[in-house]
Amino acid sequence: ITAEGIESEDVLEMLKKMGDLKGQGYLYGKPECAEEVLERLR
């Protein structure tokens, strides 16, 4: 399962209790262009 739209720590904590999930949302950062992604990965 992947949960979309995670935007707060409270929601993240509730999802952690539900098992092994992947998540995405503004809590982890807004969408980035290719150059910004490379800088993050660096």
Full PDB file with SEQRES, HELIX, SHEET, SSBOND, CRYST1, ORIGX, SCALE, CONECT and MASTER records, all heavy atoms in Angstrom:
SEQRES   1 A   42  ILE THR ALA GLU GLY ILE GLU SER GLU ASP VAL LEU GLU          
SEQRES   2 A   42  MET LEU LYS LYS MET GLY ASP LEU LYS GLY GLN GLY TYR          
SEQRES   3 A   42  LEU TYR GLY LYS PRO GLU CYS ALA GLU GLU VAL LEU GLU          
SEQRES   4 A   42  ARG LEU ARG                                                  
HELIX    1 AA1 GLU A    9  LYS A   16  1                                   8    
HELIX    2 AA2 ALA A   34  LEU A   41  1                                   8    
SHEET    1 AA1 2 THR A   2  ALA A   3  0                                        
SHEET    2 AA1 2 LYS A  22  GLY A  23  1                                        
CRYST1    1.000    1.000    1.000  90.00  90.00  90.00 P 1           1          
ORIGX1      1.000000  0.000000  0.000000        0.00000                         
ORIGX2      0.000000  1.000000  0.000000        0.00000                         
ORIGX3      0.000000  0.000000  1.000000        0.00000                         
SCALE1      1.000000  0.000000  0.000000        0.00000                         
SCALE2      0.000000  1.000000  0.000000        0.00000                         
SCALE3      0.000000  0.000000  1.000000        0.00000                         
ATOM      1  N   ILE A   1       0.839  -1.195   0.000  1.00  0.00           N  
ATOM      2  CA  ILE A   1       0.000   0.000   0.000  1.00  0.00           C  
ATOM      3  C   ILE A   1       0.875   1.247   0.000  1.00  0.00           C  
ATOM      4  O   ILE A   1       1.909   1.310   0.680  1.00  0.00           O  
ATOM      5  CB  ILE A   1      -0.913   0.033   1.252  1.00  0.00           C  
ATOM      6  CG1 ILE A   1      -1.793  -1.211   1.311  1.00  0.00           C  
ATOM      7  CG2 ILE A   1      -1.763   1.304   1.260  1.00  0.00           C  
ATOM      8  CD1 ILE A   1      -2.859  -1.287   0.266  1.00  0.00           C  
ATOM      9  N   THR A   2       0.445   2.260  -0.776  1.00  0.00           N  
ATOM     10  CA  THR A   2       1.050   3.588  -0.731  1.00  0.00           C  
ATOM     11  C   THR A   2      -0.027   4.590  -0.345  1.00  0.00           C  
ATOM     12  O   THR A   2      -1.120   4.579  -0.925  1.00  0.00           O  
ATOM     13  CB  THR A   2       1.663   3.993  -2.086  1.00  0.00           C  
ATOM     14  OG1 THR A   2       2.731   3.105  -2.413  1.00  0.00           O  
ATOM     15  CG2 THR A   2       2.214   5.417  -2.035  1.00  0.00           C  
ATOM     16  N   ALA A   3       0.265   5.440   0.640  1.00  0.00           N  
ATOM     17  CA  ALA A   3      -0.675   6.481   1.074  1.00  0.00           C  
ATOM     18  C   ALA A   3      -0.248   7.815   0.481  1.00  0.00           C  
ATOM     19  O   ALA A   3       0.899   8.236   0.650  1.00  0.00           O  
ATOM     20  CB  ALA A   3      -0.714   6.561   2.599  1.00  0.00           C  
ATOM     21  N   GLU A   4      -1.180   8.470  -0.213  1.00  0.00           N  
ATOM     22  CA  GLU A   4      -0.893   9.765  -0.833  1.00  0.00           C  
ATOM     23  C   GLU A   4      -1.380  10.907   0.068  1.00  0.00           C  
ATOM     24  O   GLU A   4      -2.291  10.729   0.875  1.00  0.00           O  
ATOM     25  CB  GLU A   4      -1.594   9.867  -2.189  1.00  0.00           C  
ATOM     26  CG  GLU A   4      -1.130   8.857  -3.212  1.00  0.00           C  
ATOM     27  CD  GLU A   4      -1.846   9.036  -4.547  1.00  0.00           C  
ATOM     28  OE1 GLU A   4      -3.080   8.906  -4.577  1.00  0.00           O  
ATOM     29  OE2 GLU A   4      -1.161   9.311  -5.542  1.00  0.00           O  
ATOM     30  N   GLY A   5      -0.768  12.072  -0.119  1.00  0.00           N  
ATOM     31  CA  GLY A   5      -1.273  13.276   0.550  1.00  0.00           C  
ATOM     32  C   GLY A   5      -0.926  13.383   2.020  1.00  0.00           C  
ATOM     33  O   GLY A   5      -1.703  13.961   2.798  1.00  0.00           O  
ATOM     34  N   ILE A   6       0.209  12.861   2.443  1.00  0.00           N  
ATOM     35  CA  ILE A   6       0.632  12.983   3.846  1.00  0.00           C  
ATOM     36  C   ILE A   6       1.201  14.389   4.049  1.00  0.00           C  
ATOM     37  O   ILE A   6       2.212  14.749   3.431  1.00  0.00           O  
ATOM     38  CB  ILE A   6       1.692  11.925   4.199  1.00  0.00           C  
ATOM     39  CG1 ILE A   6       1.152  10.528   3.921  1.00  0.00           C  
ATOM     40  CG2 ILE A   6       2.127  12.057   5.655  1.00  0.00           C  
ATOM     41  CD1 ILE A   6       2.170   9.419   4.107  1.00  0.00           C  
ATOM     42  N   GLU A   7       0.558  15.153   4.897  1.00  0.00           N  
ATOM     43  CA  GLU A   7       0.962  16.549   5.063  1.00  0.00           C  
ATOM     44  C   GLU A   7       1.216  16.941   6.518  1.00  0.00           C  
ATOM     45  O   GLU A   7       1.520  18.110   6.791  1.00  0.00           O  
ATOM     46  CB  GLU A   7      -0.106  17.475   4.452  1.00  0.00           C  
ATOM     47  CG  GLU A   7      -0.295  17.261   2.953  1.00  0.00           C  
ATOM     48  CD  GLU A   7      -1.343  18.183   2.352  1.00  0.00           C  
ATOM     49  OE1 GLU A   7      -1.917  18.999   3.102  1.00  0.00           O  
ATOM     50  OE2 GLU A   7      -1.592  18.090   1.133  1.00  0.00           O  
ATOM     51  N   SER A   8       1.062  16.016   7.464  1.00  0.00           N  
ATOM     52  CA  SER A   8       1.303  16.360   8.869  1.00  0.00           C  
ATOM     53  C   SER A   8       1.909  15.174   9.611  1.00  0.00           C  
ATOM     54  O   SER A   8       1.730  14.011   9.213  1.00  0.00           O  
ATOM     55  CB  SER A   8      -0.006  16.789   9.547  1.00  0.00           C  
ATOM     56  OG  SER A   8      -0.875  15.672   9.704  1.00  0.00           O  
ATOM     57  N   GLU A   9       2.593  15.476  10.710  1.00  0.00           N  
ATOM     58  CA  GLU A   9       3.207  14.438  11.521  1.00  0.00           C  
ATOM     59  C   GLU A   9       2.154  13.551  12.174  1.00  0.00           C  
ATOM     60  O   GLU A   9       2.369  12.350  12.338  1.00  0.00           O  
ATOM     61  CB  GLU A   9       4.085  15.080  12.597  1.00  0.00           C  
ATOM     62  CG  GLU A   9       5.348  15.745  12.073  1.00  0.00           C  
ATOM     63  CD  GLU A   9       6.396  14.736  11.621  1.00  0.00           C  
ATOM     64  OE1 GLU A   9       6.216  13.526  11.898  1.00  0.00           O  
ATOM     65  OE2 GLU A   9       7.373  15.153  10.980  1.00  0.00           O  
ATOM     66  N   ASP A  10       1.003  14.121  12.534  1.00  0.00           N  
ATOM     67  CA  ASP A  10      -0.050  13.335  13.169  1.00  0.00           C  
ATOM     68  C   ASP A  10      -0.549  12.241  12.237  1.00  0.00           C  
ATOM     69  O   ASP A  10      -0.748  11.091  12.653  1.00  0.00           O  
ATOM     70  CB  ASP A  10      -1.221  14.246  13.575  1.00  0.00           C  
ATOM     71  CG  ASP A  10      -0.832  15.220  14.674  1.00  0.00           C  
ATOM     72  OD1 ASP A  10       0.150  14.929  15.390  1.00  0.00           O  
ATOM     73  OD2 ASP A  10      -1.505  16.268  14.799  1.00  0.00           O  
ATOM     74  N   VAL A  11      -0.784  12.607  10.989  1.00  0.00           N  
ATOM     75  CA  VAL A  11      -1.232  11.621  10.008  1.00  0.00           C  
ATOM     76  C   VAL A  11      -0.162  10.560   9.809  1.00  0.00           C  
ATOM     77  O   VAL A  11      -0.454   9.357   9.731  1.00  0.00           O  
ATOM     78  CB  VAL A  11      -1.581  12.309   8.676  1.00  0.00           C  
ATOM     79  CG1 VAL A  11      -1.810  11.278   7.579  1.00  0.00           C  
ATOM     80  CG2 VAL A  11      -2.793  13.204   8.830  1.00  0.00           C  
ATOM     81  N   LEU A  12       1.089  10.979   9.749  1.00  0.00           N  
ATOM     82  CA  LEU A  12       2.185  10.029   9.565  1.00  0.00           C  
ATOM     83  C   LEU A  12       2.231   9.019  10.703  1.00  0.00           C  
ATOM     84  O   LEU A  12       2.415   7.811  10.474  1.00  0.00           O  
ATOM     85  CB  LEU A  12       3.510  10.788   9.461  1.00  0.00           C  
ATOM     86  CG  LEU A  12       4.766   9.926   9.316  1.00  0.00           C  
ATOM     87  CD1 LEU A  12       4.695   9.094   8.040  1.00  0.00           C  
ATOM     88  CD2 LEU A  12       6.019  10.802   9.313  1.00  0.00           C  
ATOM     89  N   GLU A  13       2.061   9.498  11.928  1.00  0.00           N  
ATOM     90  CA  GLU A  13       2.105   8.594  13.081  1.00  0.00           C  
ATOM     91  C   GLU A  13       0.974   7.580  13.025  1.00  0.00           C  
ATOM     92  O   GLU A  13       1.153   6.415  13.385  1.00  0.00           O  
ATOM     93  CB  GLU A  13       2.030   9.409  14.379  1.00  0.00           C  
ATOM     94  CG  GLU A  13       3.288  10.217  14.669  1.00  0.00           C  
ATOM     95  CD  GLU A  13       4.532   9.351  14.744  1.00  0.00           C  
ATOM     96  OE1 GLU A  13       4.462   8.251  15.331  1.00  0.00           O  
ATOM     97  OE2 GLU A  13       5.579   9.755  14.192  1.00  0.00           O  
ATOM     98  N   MET A  14      -0.210   8.017  12.614  1.00  0.00           N  
ATOM     99  CA  MET A  14      -1.327   7.085  12.505  1.00  0.00           C  
ATOM    100  C   MET A  14      -1.065   6.027  11.435  1.00  0.00           C  
ATOM    101  O   MET A  14      -1.394   4.850  11.613  1.00  0.00           O  
ATOM    102  CB  MET A  14      -2.616   7.844  12.181  1.00  0.00           C  
ATOM    103  CG  MET A  14      -3.087   8.771  13.286  1.00  0.00           C  
ATOM    104  SD  MET A  14      -4.690   9.506  12.913  1.00  0.00           S  
ATOM    105  CE  MET A  14      -5.755   8.075  13.022  1.00  0.00           C  
ATOM    106  N   LEU A  15      -0.457   6.430  10.320  1.00  0.00           N  
ATOM    107  CA  LEU A  15      -0.165   5.482   9.245  1.00  0.00           C  
ATOM    108  C   LEU A  15       0.908   4.484   9.652  1.00  0.00           C  
ATOM    109  O   LEU A  15       0.868   3.314   9.244  1.00  0.00           O  
ATOM    110  CB  LEU A  15       0.266   6.237   7.983  1.00  0.00           C  
ATOM    111  CG  LEU A  15      -0.830   7.050   7.276  1.00  0.00           C  
ATOM    112  CD1 LEU A  15      -0.236   7.928   6.190  1.00  0.00           C  
ATOM    113  CD2 LEU A  15      -1.895   6.122   6.677  1.00  0.00           C  
ATOM    114  N   LYS A  16       1.867   4.929  10.487  1.00  0.00           N  
ATOM    115  CA  LYS A  16       2.917   4.017  10.939  1.00  0.00           C  
ATOM    116  C   LYS A  16       2.343   2.846  11.719  1.00  0.00           C  
ATOM    117  O   LYS A  16       2.869   1.734  11.672  1.00  0.00           O  
ATOM    118  CB  LYS A  16       3.922   4.772  11.808  1.00  0.00           C  
ATOM    119  CG  LYS A  16       4.884   5.651  11.038  1.00  0.00           C  
ATOM    120  CD  LYS A  16       5.866   6.327  11.988  1.00  0.00           C  
ATOM    121  CE  LYS A  16       6.867   7.188  11.220  1.00  0.00           C  
ATOM    122  NZ  LYS A  16       7.825   7.876  12.135  1.00  0.00           N  
ATOM    123  N   LYS A  17       1.221   3.103  12.403  1.00  0.00           N  
ATOM    124  CA  LYS A  17       0.618   2.054  13.222  1.00  0.00           C  
ATOM    125  C   LYS A  17      -0.135   1.025  12.384  1.00  0.00           C  
ATOM    126  O   LYS A  17      -0.543  -0.022  12.897  1.00  0.00           O  
ATOM    127  CB  LYS A  17      -0.347   2.679  14.229  1.00  0.00           C  
ATOM    128  CG  LYS A  17       0.320   3.628  15.212  1.00  0.00           C  
ATOM    129  CD  LYS A  17      -0.722   4.298  16.097  1.00  0.00           C  
ATOM    130  CE  LYS A  17      -0.073   5.327  17.034  1.00  0.00           C  
ATOM    131  NZ  LYS A  17      -1.092   6.035  17.853  1.00  0.00           N  
ATOM    132  N   MET A  18      -0.345   1.329  11.110  1.00  0.00           N  
ATOM    133  CA  MET A  18      -1.148   0.441  10.260  1.00  0.00           C  
ATOM    134  C   MET A  18      -0.322  -0.610   9.540  1.00  0.00           C  
ATOM    135  O   MET A  18      -0.870  -1.445   8.828  1.00  0.00           O  
ATOM    136  CB  MET A  18      -1.930   1.271   9.233  1.00  0.00           C  
ATOM    137  CG  MET A  18      -2.934   2.203   9.861  1.00  0.00           C  
ATOM    138  SD  MET A  18      -3.837   3.140   8.611  1.00  0.00           S  
ATOM    139  CE  MET A  18      -4.818   4.228   9.645  1.00  0.00           C  
ATOM    140  N   GLY A  19       1.002  -0.572   9.681  1.00  0.00           N  
ATOM    141  CA  GLY A  19       1.828  -1.586   9.039  1.00  0.00           C  
ATOM    142  C   GLY A  19       2.866  -0.972   8.118  1.00  0.00           C  
ATOM    143  O   GLY A  19       3.131   0.235   8.146  1.00  0.00           O  
ATOM    144  N   ASP A  20       3.447  -1.832   7.305  1.00  0.00           N  
ATOM    145  CA  ASP A  20       4.498  -1.404   6.380  1.00  0.00           C  
ATOM    146  C   ASP A  20       3.861  -0.758   5.153  1.00  0.00           C  
ATOM    147  O   ASP A  20       3.292  -1.451   4.299  1.00  0.00           O  
ATOM    148  CB  ASP A  20       5.355  -2.591   5.959  1.00  0.00           C  
ATOM    149  CG  ASP A  20       6.138  -3.166   7.132  1.00  0.00           C  
ATOM    150  OD1 ASP A  20       6.438  -2.390   8.054  1.00  0.00           O  
ATOM    151  OD2 ASP A  20       6.422  -4.376   7.114  1.00  0.00           O  
ATOM    152  N   LEU A  21       3.963   0.568   5.076  1.00  0.00           N  
ATOM    153  CA  LEU A  21       3.392   1.322   3.965  1.00  0.00           C  
ATOM    154  C   LEU A  21       4.457   2.221   3.356  1.00  0.00           C  
ATOM    155  O   LEU A  21       5.437   2.590   4.005  1.00  0.00           O  
ATOM    156  CB  LEU A  21       2.219   2.188   4.432  1.00  0.00           C  
ATOM    157  CG  LEU A  21       1.099   1.536   5.253  1.00  0.00           C  
ATOM    158  CD1 LEU A  21       0.104   2.605   5.678  1.00  0.00           C  
ATOM    159  CD2 LEU A  21       0.415   0.461   4.447  1.00  0.00           C  
ATOM    160  N   LYS A  22       4.225   2.586   2.121  1.00  0.00           N  
ATOM    161  CA  LYS A  22       4.961   3.695   1.522  1.00  0.00           C  
ATOM    162  C   LYS A  22       4.067   4.922   1.565  1.00  0.00           C  
ATOM    163  O   LYS A  22       2.844   4.813   1.555  1.00  0.00           O  
ATOM    164  CB  LYS A  22       5.337   3.372   0.072  1.00  0.00           C  
ATOM    165  CG  LYS A  22       6.590   2.511  -0.062  1.00  0.00           C  
ATOM    166  CD  LYS A  22       6.796   2.025  -1.478  1.00  0.00           C  
ATOM    167  CE  LYS A  22       7.044   3.134  -2.461  1.00  0.00           C  
ATOM    168  NZ  LYS A  22       7.408   2.624  -3.804  1.00  0.00           N  
ATOM    169  N   GLY A  23       4.688   6.098   1.612  1.00  0.00           N  
ATOM    170  CA  GLY A  23       3.917   7.316   1.669  1.00  0.00           C  
ATOM    171  C   GLY A  23       4.530   8.406   0.821  1.00  0.00           C  
ATOM    172  O   GLY A  23       5.722   8.380   0.497  1.00  0.00           O  
ATOM    173  N   GLN A  24       3.702   9.376   0.461  1.00  0.00           N  
ATOM    174  CA  GLN A  24       4.173  10.546  -0.261  1.00  0.00           C  
ATOM    175  C   GLN A  24       3.261  11.720   0.070  1.00  0.00           C  
ATOM    176  O   GLN A  24       2.105  11.533   0.433  1.00  0.00           O  
ATOM    177  CB  GLN A  24       4.202  10.297  -1.774  1.00  0.00           C  
ATOM    178  CG  GLN A  24       2.855   9.955  -2.398  1.00  0.00           C  
ATOM    179  CD  GLN A  24       2.974   9.533  -3.860  1.00  0.00           C  
ATOM    180  OE1 GLN A  24       3.176   8.371  -4.169  1.00  0.00           O  
ATOM    181  NE2 GLN A  24       2.826  10.520  -4.754  1.00  0.00           N  
ATOM    182  N   GLY A  25       3.796  12.914  -0.031  1.00  0.00           N  
ATOM    183  CA  GLY A  25       3.016  14.088   0.310  1.00  0.00           C  
ATOM    184  C   GLY A  25       3.935  15.250   0.662  1.00  0.00           C  
ATOM    185  O   GLY A  25       5.167  15.110   0.724  1.00  0.00           O  
ATOM    186  N   TYR A  26       3.335  16.410   0.902  1.00  0.00           N  
ATOM    187  CA  TYR A  26       4.112  17.621   1.150  1.00  0.00           C  
ATOM    188  C   TYR A  26       4.913  17.563   2.442  1.00  0.00           C  
ATOM    189  O   TYR A  26       5.820  18.376   2.648  1.00  0.00           O  
ATOM    190  CB  TYR A  26       3.190  18.836   1.162  1.00  0.00           C  
ATOM    191  CG  TYR A  26       2.767  19.280  -0.230  1.00  0.00           C  
ATOM    192  CD1 TYR A  26       3.126  18.537  -1.355  1.00  0.00           C  
ATOM    193  CD2 TYR A  26       2.022  20.430  -0.423  1.00  0.00           C  
ATOM    194  CE1 TYR A  26       2.743  18.929  -2.622  1.00  0.00           C  
ATOM    195  CE2 TYR A  26       1.634  20.839  -1.700  1.00  0.00           C  
ATOM    196  CZ  TYR A  26       1.998  20.079  -2.790  1.00  0.00           C  
ATOM    197  OH  TYR A  26       1.624  20.468  -4.037  1.00  0.00           O  
ATOM    198  N   LEU A  27       4.563  16.630   3.345  1.00  0.00           N  
ATOM    199  CA  LEU A  27       5.367  16.496   4.558  1.00  0.00           C  
ATOM    200  C   LEU A  27       6.810  16.145   4.207  1.00  0.00           C  
ATOM    201  O   LEU A  27       7.749  16.561   4.901  1.00  0.00           O  
ATOM    202  CB  LEU A  27       4.763  15.410   5.456  1.00  0.00           C  
ATOM    203  CG  LEU A  27       5.511  15.114   6.759  1.00  0.00           C  
ATOM    204  CD1 LEU A  27       5.514  16.356   7.667  1.00  0.00           C  
ATOM    205  CD2 LEU A  27       4.898  13.929   7.486  1.00  0.00           C  
ATOM    206  N   TYR A  28       6.990  15.400   3.140  1.00  0.00           N  
ATOM    207  CA  TYR A  28       8.329  15.009   2.707  1.00  0.00           C  
ATOM    208  C   TYR A  28       8.944  16.017   1.735  1.00  0.00           C  
ATOM    209  O   TYR A  28      10.118  15.909   1.384  1.00  0.00           O  
ATOM    210  CB  TYR A  28       8.284  13.637   2.028  1.00  0.00           C  
ATOM    211  CG  TYR A  28       7.797  12.533   2.937  1.00  0.00           C  
ATOM    212  CD1 TYR A  28       6.550  11.953   2.741  1.00  0.00           C  
ATOM    213  CD2 TYR A  28       8.575  12.086   3.992  1.00  0.00           C  
ATOM    214  CE1 TYR A  28       6.096  10.937   3.570  1.00  0.00           C  
ATOM    215  CE2 TYR A  28       8.135  11.069   4.828  1.00  0.00           C  
ATOM    216  CZ  TYR A  28       6.882  10.503   4.622  1.00  0.00           C  
ATOM    217  OH  TYR A  28       6.436   9.504   5.454  1.00  0.00           O  
ATOM    218  N   GLY A  29       8.161  16.973   1.287  1.00  0.00           N  
ATOM    219  CA  GLY A  29       8.663  17.968   0.349  1.00  0.00           C  
ATOM    220  C   GLY A  29       7.774  18.084  -0.874  1.00  0.00           C  
ATOM    221  O   GLY A  29       7.104  17.127  -1.254  1.00  0.00           O  
ATOM    222  N   LYS A  30       7.768  19.254  -1.479  1.00  0.00           N  
ATOM    223  CA  LYS A  30       6.974  19.473  -2.683  1.00  0.00           C  
ATOM    224  C   LYS A  30       7.671  18.849  -3.901  1.00  0.00           C  
ATOM    225  O   LYS A  30       8.878  18.573  -3.858  1.00  0.00           O  
ATOM    226  CB  LYS A  30       6.753  20.970  -2.909  1.00  0.00           C  
ATOM    227  CG  LYS A  30       5.893  21.625  -1.833  1.00  0.00           C  
ATOM    228  CD  LYS A  30       5.613  23.079  -2.152  1.00  0.00           C  
ATOM    229  CE  LYS A  30       4.691  23.703  -1.109  1.00  0.00           C  
ATOM    230  NZ  LYS A  30       4.363  25.110  -1.423  1.00  0.00           N  
ATOM    231  N   PRO A  31       6.919  18.619  -4.972  1.00  0.00           N  
ATOM    232  CA  PRO A  31       7.542  18.076  -6.193  1.00  0.00           C  
ATOM    233  C   PRO A  31       8.697  18.965  -6.666  1.00  0.00           C  
ATOM    234  O   PRO A  31       8.622  20.198  -6.595  1.00  0.00           O  
ATOM    235  CB  PRO A  31       6.387  18.072  -7.200  1.00  0.00           C  
ATOM    236  CG  PRO A  31       5.152  17.978  -6.358  1.00  0.00           C  
ATOM    237  CD  PRO A  31       5.452  18.762  -5.126  1.00  0.00           C  
ATOM    238  N   GLU A  32       9.750  18.323  -7.157  1.00  0.00           N  
ATOM    239  CA  GLU A  32      10.964  19.045  -7.552  1.00  0.00           C  
ATOM    240  C   GLU A  32      11.320  18.726  -8.995  1.00  0.00           C  
ATOM    241  O   GLU A  32      10.985  17.645  -9.508  1.00  0.00           O  
ATOM    242  CB  GLU A  32      12.126  18.639  -6.639  1.00  0.00           C  
ATOM    243  CG  GLU A  32      11.889  18.945  -5.172  1.00  0.00           C  
ATOM    244  CD  GLU A  32      12.953  18.340  -4.265  1.00  0.00           C  
ATOM    245  OE1 GLU A  32      13.492  17.265  -4.616  1.00  0.00           O  
ATOM    246  OE2 GLU A  32      13.241  18.949  -3.225  1.00  0.00           O  
ATOM    247  N   CYS A  33      12.036  19.659  -9.617  1.00  0.00           N  
ATOM    248  CA  CYS A  33      12.513  19.428 -10.979  1.00  0.00           C  
ATOM    249  C   CYS A  33      13.716  18.489 -10.950  1.00  0.00           C  
ATOM    250  O   CYS A  33      14.237  18.138  -9.880  1.00  0.00           O  
ATOM    251  CB  CYS A  33      12.870  20.746 -11.650  1.00  0.00           C  
ATOM    252  SG  CYS A  33      14.296  21.575 -10.910  1.00  0.00           S  
ATOM    253  N   ALA A  34      14.185  18.085 -12.106  1.00  0.00           N  
ATOM    254  CA  ALA A  34      15.259  17.098 -12.201  1.00  0.00           C  
ATOM    255  C   ALA A  34      16.528  17.574 -11.499  1.00  0.00           C  
ATOM    256  O   ALA A  34      17.200  16.790 -10.802  1.00  0.00           O  
ATOM    257  CB  ALA A  34      15.543  16.794 -13.671  1.00  0.00           C  
ATOM    258  N   GLU A  35      16.889  18.836 -11.661  1.00  0.00           N  
ATOM    259  CA  GLU A  35      18.103  19.358 -11.046  1.00  0.00           C  
ATOM    260  C   GLU A  35      18.020  19.360  -9.523  1.00  0.00           C  
ATOM    261  O   GLU A  35      18.987  19.029  -8.827  1.00  0.00           O  
ATOM    262  CB  GLU A  35      18.385  20.786 -11.552  1.00  0.00           C  
ATOM    263  CG  GLU A  35      18.777  20.880 -13.025  1.00  0.00           C  
ATOM    264  CD  GLU A  35      17.589  20.697 -13.964  1.00  0.00           C  
ATOM    265  OE1 GLU A  35      16.432  20.746 -13.480  1.00  0.00           O  
ATOM    266  OE2 GLU A  35      17.824  20.474 -15.168  1.00  0.00           O  
ATOM    267  N   GLU A  36      16.838  19.716  -8.989  1.00  0.00           N  
ATOM    268  CA  GLU A  36      16.649  19.719  -7.537  1.00  0.00           C  
ATOM    269  C   GLU A  36      16.698  18.296  -6.984  1.00  0.00           C  
ATOM    270  O   GLU A  36      17.215  18.067  -5.879  1.00  0.00           O  
ATOM    271  CB  GLU A  36      15.319  20.380  -7.184  1.00  0.00           C  
ATOM    272  CG  GLU A  36      15.293  21.875  -7.482  1.00  0.00           C  
ATOM    273  CD  GLU A  36      13.908  22.477  -7.348  1.00  0.00           C  
ATOM    274  OE1 GLU A  36      12.914  21.754  -7.611  1.00  0.00           O  
ATOM    275  OE2 GLU A  36      13.825  23.668  -7.001  1.00  0.00           O  
ATOM    276  N   VAL A  37      16.185  17.339  -7.728  1.00  0.00           N  
ATOM    277  CA  VAL A  37      16.243  15.944  -7.302  1.00  0.00           C  
ATOM    278  C   VAL A  37      17.689  15.474  -7.246  1.00  0.00           C  
ATOM    279  O   VAL A  37      18.107  14.793  -6.290  1.00  0.00           O  
ATOM    280  CB  VAL A  37      15.412  15.053  -8.249  1.00  0.00           C  
ATOM    281  CG1 VAL A  37      15.703  13.573  -7.993  1.00  0.00           C  
ATOM    282  CG2 VAL A  37      13.933  15.324  -8.071  1.00  0.00           C  
ATOM    283  N   LEU A  38      18.458  15.810  -8.263  1.00  0.00           N  
ATOM    284  CA  LEU A  38      19.867  15.411  -8.260  1.00  0.00           C  
ATOM    285  C   LEU A  38      20.611  16.001  -7.060  1.00  0.00           C  
ATOM    286  O   LEU A  38      21.446  15.320  -6.437  1.00  0.00           O  
ATOM    287  CB  LEU A  38      20.538  15.857  -9.564  1.00  0.00           C  
ATOM    288  CG  LEU A  38      20.201  15.053 -10.820  1.00  0.00           C  
ATOM    289  CD1 LEU A  38      20.925  15.631 -12.026  1.00  0.00           C  
ATOM    290  CD2 LEU A  38      20.571  13.581 -10.642  1.00  0.00           C  
ATOM    291  N   GLU A  39      20.319  17.238  -6.723  1.00  0.00           N  
ATOM    292  CA  GLU A  39      20.961  17.859  -5.562  1.00  0.00           C  
ATOM    293  C   GLU A  39      20.555  17.137  -4.281  1.00  0.00           C  
ATOM    294  O   GLU A  39      21.386  16.901  -3.390  1.00  0.00           O  
ATOM    295  CB  GLU A  39      20.573  19.337  -5.485  1.00  0.00           C  
ATOM    296  CG  GLU A  39      21.228  20.101  -4.347  1.00  0.00           C  
ATOM    297  CD  GLU A  39      22.741  20.042  -4.392  1.00  0.00           C  
ATOM    298  OE1 GLU A  39      23.326  20.024  -5.503  1.00  0.00           O  
ATOM    299  OE2 GLU A  39      23.364  20.005  -3.306  1.00  0.00           O  
ATOM    300  N   ARG A  40      19.265  16.768  -4.184  1.00  0.00           N  
ATOM    301  CA  ARG A  40      18.808  16.034  -2.998  1.00  0.00           C  
ATOM    302  C   ARG A  40      19.512  14.683  -2.898  1.00  0.00           C  
ATOM    303  O   ARG A  40      19.977  14.276  -1.819  1.00  0.00           O  
ATOM    304  CB  ARG A  40      17.290  15.836  -3.079  1.00  0.00           C  
ATOM    305  CG  ARG A  40      16.708  14.985  -1.946  1.00  0.00           C  
ATOM    306  CD  ARG A  40      15.207  14.792  -2.101  1.00  0.00           C  
ATOM    307  NE  ARG A  40      14.512  16.058  -1.942  1.00  0.00           N  
ATOM    308  CZ  ARG A  40      14.179  16.591  -0.766  1.00  0.00           C  
ATOM    309  NH1 ARG A  40      14.518  15.972   0.364  1.00  0.00           N  
ATOM    310  NH2 ARG A  40      13.531  17.731  -0.712  1.00  0.00           N  
ATOM    311  N   LEU A  41      19.594  13.975  -4.012  1.00  0.00           N  
ATOM    312  CA  LEU A  41      20.229  12.659  -4.005  1.00  0.00           C  
ATOM    313  C   LEU A  41      21.718  12.761  -3.731  1.00  0.00           C  
ATOM    314  O   LEU A  41      22.318  11.860  -3.118  1.00  0.00           O  
ATOM    315  CB  LEU A  41      19.979  11.964  -5.355  1.00  0.00           C  
ATOM    316  CG  LEU A  41      18.513  11.632  -5.678  1.00  0.00           C  
ATOM    317  CD1 LEU A  41      18.403  10.949  -7.033  1.00  0.00           C  
ATOM    318  CD2 LEU A  41      17.902  10.750  -4.590  1.00  0.00           C  
ATOM    319  N   ARG A  42      22.332  13.847  -4.160  1.00  0.00           N  
ATOM    320  CA  ARG A  42      23.754  14.038  -3.878  1.00  0.00           C  
ATOM    321  C   ARG A  42      23.972  14.164  -2.369  1.00  0.00           C  
ATOM    322  O   ARG A  42      24.919  13.595  -1.812  1.00  0.00           O  
ATOM    323  CB  ARG A  42      24.265  15.284  -4.606  1.00  0.00           C  
ATOM    324  CG  ARG A  42      25.780  15.481  -4.513  1.00  0.00           C  
ATOM    325  CD  ARG A  42      26.259  16.637  -5.367  1.00  0.00           C  
ATOM    326  NE  ARG A  42      26.163  16.306  -6.797  1.00  0.00           N  
ATOM    327  CZ  ARG A  42      25.278  16.829  -7.634  1.00  0.00           C  
ATOM    328  NH1 ARG A  42      24.400  17.715  -7.186  1.00  0.00           N  
ATOM    329  NH2 ARG A  42      25.250  16.477  -8.900  1.00  0.00           N  
TER     330      ARG A  42                                                      
MASTER        0    0    0    2    2    0    0    6  329    1    0    4          
END                                                                             
